[in-house]
Amino acid sequence: MIIATTYRQSPLKKFFWVLFVTTVTVLGTWHFRSSHSSGVYPYDPAQDRAFILNTFKDNWYLLISEYSTNYNPEYIIDHRISSTETGTEGDLTISVYREQGKPTGFIAYHMKELKEGYILFVAVDKKARTQGYAQAMIKHALADLKQRGALVVRLATRIVNEPAQKLYTKLGFEKTHVSSGQFVHFEKVLD
């Protein structure tokens, strides 16, 4: 003969058990999403610095003009300066696109003049290109610059960088001129 017994919890114990399970589930979900999330995030030196410096190293020709002989990416990102001119320290905004918590691209931009924003760098890891990361970062920068009061945003790219030129045109930028026979300049008037 088998005697079945049922274990009865008091309503208070049951409440605390449900509360505990719910809390663990919510915290676990939050931790998973925050460590595996995708999208544009503010630059975090501990998490993103090495990636950005490696991206500069791998894409030096596309990112830096040969006329910038003393350009130092470490100094630029560590001090968030848009140029080597005095008075620009802290004016550069750096954002990073993270896919599943890992950096795959970055954008750096600033307010150049009262109503003019400037996108200084846009770069995506070679293995992650053509997946929309650059487009997402540019849209993020445009929205941020508009919020800061920009009426127009400008940028430049190498004349040989046709994929970037196509993207900028797709996003509503218009070619304004070519400089040094090597750089195509674009601008977008913000609505």
Protein backbone atom coordinates (compact mmCIF):
# COMPACT_ATOMS: atom_id res chain seq x y z
CA MET A 1 0.00 0.00 0.00
CA ILE A 2 1.37 3.38 -1.06
CA ILE A 3 0.45 6.35 0.97
CA ALA A 4 0.61 9.63 -0.86
CA THR A 5 1.44 12.63 1.16
CA THR A 6 1.37 16.18 0.05
CA TYR A 7 3.70 18.78 1.29
CA ARG A 8 1.90 21.94 2.17
CA GLN A 9 3.68 25.24 2.36
CA SER A 10 2.33 28.05 4.36
CA PRO A 11 1.10 30.93 2.20
CA LEU A 12 3.93 33.12 3.49
CA LYS A 13 6.63 30.58 2.51
CA LYS A 14 5.02 30.15 -0.88
CA PHE A 15 5.00 33.93 -1.40
CA PHE A 16 8.71 34.23 -0.55
CA TRP A 17 9.56 31.26 -2.79
CA VAL A 18 7.74 32.85 -5.75
CA LEU A 19 9.39 36.21 -4.99
CA PHE A 20 12.83 34.56 -4.89
CA VAL A 21 12.36 32.70 -8.19
CA THR A 22 10.99 35.82 -9.89
CA THR A 23 13.90 37.97 -8.65
CA VAL A 24 16.51 35.46 -9.81
CA THR A 25 14.84 35.22 -13.23
CA VAL A 26 14.65 38.99 -13.68
CA LEU A 27 18.25 39.55 -12.57
CA GLY A 28 19.51 36.71 -14.74
CA THR A 29 17.67 38.07 -17.79
CA TRP A 30 18.99 41.60 -17.15
CA HIS A 31 22.56 40.33 -16.78
CA PHE A 32 22.34 38.26 -19.97
CA ARG A 33 20.91 41.16 -21.97
CA SER A 34 23.39 43.70 -20.64
CA SER A 35 26.38 41.47 -21.34
CA HIS A 36 25.13 40.24 -24.73
CA SER A 37 23.31 43.30 -26.02
CA SER A 38 23.74 44.93 -29.40
CA GLY A 39 23.58 48.57 -30.43
CA VAL A 40 25.32 51.92 -30.07
CA TYR A 41 26.81 52.69 -26.64
CA PRO A 42 28.98 55.43 -25.14
CA TYR A 43 32.71 54.71 -25.34
CA ASP A 44 34.03 52.74 -22.36
CA PRO A 45 37.85 52.88 -22.25
CA ALA A 46 38.16 49.57 -20.37
CA GLN A 47 36.00 47.75 -22.88
CA ASP A 48 36.63 49.63 -26.14
CA ARG A 49 40.07 51.32 -26.17
CA ALA A 50 42.07 48.35 -27.51
CA PHE A 51 39.47 47.72 -30.22
CA ILE A 52 39.57 51.35 -31.41
CA LEU A 53 43.38 51.47 -31.43
CA ASN A 54 43.54 48.22 -33.42
CA THR A 55 40.96 49.60 -35.85
CA PHE A 56 43.15 52.67 -36.39
CA LYS A 57 46.16 50.43 -36.95
CA ASP A 58 44.31 48.21 -39.45
CA ASN A 59 42.66 51.11 -41.33
CA TRP A 60 45.23 53.88 -41.04
CA TYR A 61 45.06 54.88 -44.71
CA LEU A 62 41.26 55.21 -44.67
CA LEU A 63 41.08 57.06 -41.34
CA ILE A 64 44.08 59.39 -41.30
CA SER A 65 45.35 61.87 -43.86
CA GLU A 66 48.97 61.50 -44.88
CA TYR A 67 49.30 65.20 -44.05
CA SER A 68 48.68 64.35 -40.39
CA THR A 69 52.20 63.13 -39.79
CA ASN A 70 52.10 63.49 -36.01
CA TYR A 71 48.59 62.04 -35.49
CA ASN A 72 48.34 60.08 -32.26
CA PRO A 73 45.11 58.03 -31.90
CA GLU A 74 45.90 57.17 -28.27
CA TYR A 75 46.08 60.83 -27.34
CA ILE A 76 42.98 61.70 -29.37
CA ILE A 77 40.75 59.07 -27.74
CA ASP A 78 42.23 59.37 -24.24
CA HIS A 79 41.65 63.14 -24.21
CA ARG A 80 38.61 63.11 -26.51
CA ILE A 81 39.98 65.92 -28.65
CA SER A 82 38.85 66.63 -32.19
CA SER A 83 42.13 68.25 -33.25
CA THR A 84 45.56 69.03 -31.94
CA GLU A 85 44.57 72.68 -31.55
CA THR A 86 44.37 73.90 -28.00
CA GLY A 87 40.98 74.21 -26.43
CA THR A 88 39.39 71.14 -27.96
CA GLU A 89 40.00 68.69 -25.11
CA GLY A 90 36.82 66.86 -24.20
CA ASP A 91 34.85 67.99 -27.27
CA LEU A 92 34.96 64.65 -29.11
CA THR A 93 32.11 62.21 -28.55
CA ILE A 94 33.03 58.58 -29.13
CA SER A 95 30.38 55.90 -29.46
CA VAL A 96 30.83 52.19 -30.08
CA TYR A 97 28.62 49.65 -31.77
CA ARG A 98 28.60 46.43 -29.77
CA GLU A 99 27.28 43.16 -31.13
CA GLN A 100 26.54 40.69 -28.33
CA GLY A 101 28.58 42.83 -25.97
CA LYS A 102 31.70 43.00 -28.19
CA PRO A 103 32.80 46.16 -30.04
CA THR A 104 32.45 45.92 -33.83
CA GLY A 105 32.70 49.58 -34.83
CA PHE A 106 33.09 53.12 -33.56
CA ILE A 107 32.17 56.66 -34.49
CA ALA A 108 33.73 59.92 -33.29
CA TYR A 109 32.06 63.29 -33.79
CA HIS A 110 31.82 66.80 -32.35
CA MET A 111 30.26 70.22 -32.74
CA LYS A 112 32.74 72.05 -34.95
CA GLU A 113 31.07 75.44 -34.89
CA LEU A 114 27.93 76.88 -33.38
CA LYS A 115 25.47 75.08 -35.69
CA GLU A 116 27.82 72.65 -37.47
CA GLY A 117 28.48 69.07 -36.45
CA TYR A 118 31.36 67.06 -37.82
CA ILE A 119 31.80 63.29 -38.00
CA LEU A 120 35.52 62.71 -37.70
CA PHE A 121 35.69 58.90 -37.86
CA VAL A 122 33.40 56.02 -38.74
CA ALA A 123 34.96 52.56 -38.76
CA VAL A 124 33.68 49.01 -38.60
CA ASP A 125 35.74 45.87 -38.13
CA LYS A 126 36.48 44.24 -41.51
CA LYS A 127 34.69 41.02 -40.51
CA ALA A 128 31.53 42.92 -39.52
CA ARG A 129 31.05 45.21 -42.51
CA THR A 130 27.87 45.40 -44.61
CA GLN A 131 25.67 44.50 -41.64
CA GLY A 132 24.29 47.98 -40.94
CA TYR A 133 26.56 48.92 -38.04
CA ALA A 134 27.98 52.06 -39.69
CA GLN A 135 24.49 53.19 -40.65
CA ALA A 136 23.24 52.74 -37.07
CA MET A 137 26.21 54.69 -35.67
CA ILE A 138 25.79 57.54 -38.16
CA LYS A 139 22.07 57.82 -37.40
CA HIS A 140 22.93 57.90 -33.70
CA ALA A 141 25.51 60.66 -34.25
CA LEU A 142 23.12 62.69 -36.41
CA ALA A 143 20.40 62.55 -33.75
CA ASP A 144 22.86 63.53 -31.01
CA LEU A 145 24.34 66.40 -33.03
CA LYS A 146 20.86 67.66 -33.91
CA GLN A 147 19.94 67.62 -30.22
CA ARG A 148 23.05 69.73 -29.55
CA GLY A 149 21.86 72.32 -32.07
CA ALA A 150 23.55 71.30 -35.32
CA LEU A 151 21.77 72.40 -38.46
CA VAL A 152 24.31 70.77 -40.77
CA VAL A 153 26.69 67.82 -40.35
CA ARG A 154 29.82 67.39 -42.43
CA LEU A 155 32.31 64.59 -42.96
CA ALA A 156 34.99 63.46 -45.41
CA THR A 157 36.23 60.15 -46.74
CA ARG A 158 38.92 58.93 -49.09
CA ILE A 159 37.97 59.13 -52.75
CA VAL A 160 38.76 55.39 -53.03
CA ASN A 161 36.32 54.50 -50.25
CA GLU A 162 33.31 53.93 -52.48
CA PRO A 163 31.29 51.85 -49.97
CA ALA A 164 31.41 54.74 -47.48
CA GLN A 165 30.41 57.25 -50.17
CA LYS A 166 27.40 55.10 -51.12
CA LEU A 167 26.34 54.86 -47.49
CA TYR A 168 26.63 58.60 -46.92
CA THR A 169 24.58 59.29 -50.04
CA LYS A 170 21.97 56.74 -48.93
CA LEU A 171 21.70 58.58 -45.59
CA GLY A 172 21.03 61.91 -47.31
CA PHE A 173 24.51 63.42 -47.39
CA GLU A 174 25.46 65.38 -50.51
CA LYS A 175 28.94 65.70 -52.00
CA THR A 176 30.26 69.24 -51.67
CA HIS A 177 33.81 69.05 -53.02
CA VAL A 178 37.00 67.04 -53.41
CA SER A 179 40.18 68.17 -51.64
CA SER A 180 43.78 67.27 -52.43
CA GLY A 181 42.43 64.90 -55.06
CA GLN A 182 42.06 62.34 -52.26
CA PHE A 183 39.11 63.26 -50.05
CA VAL A 184 35.44 63.63 -50.89
CA HIS A 185 33.56 65.99 -48.57
CA PHE A 186 29.90 65.56 -47.72
CA GLU A 187 27.29 67.50 -45.80
CA LYS A 188 23.77 66.85 -44.63
CA VAL A 189 21.31 69.55 -43.70
CA LEU A 190 19.31 68.35 -40.71
CA ASP A 191 15.53 68.67 -40.70
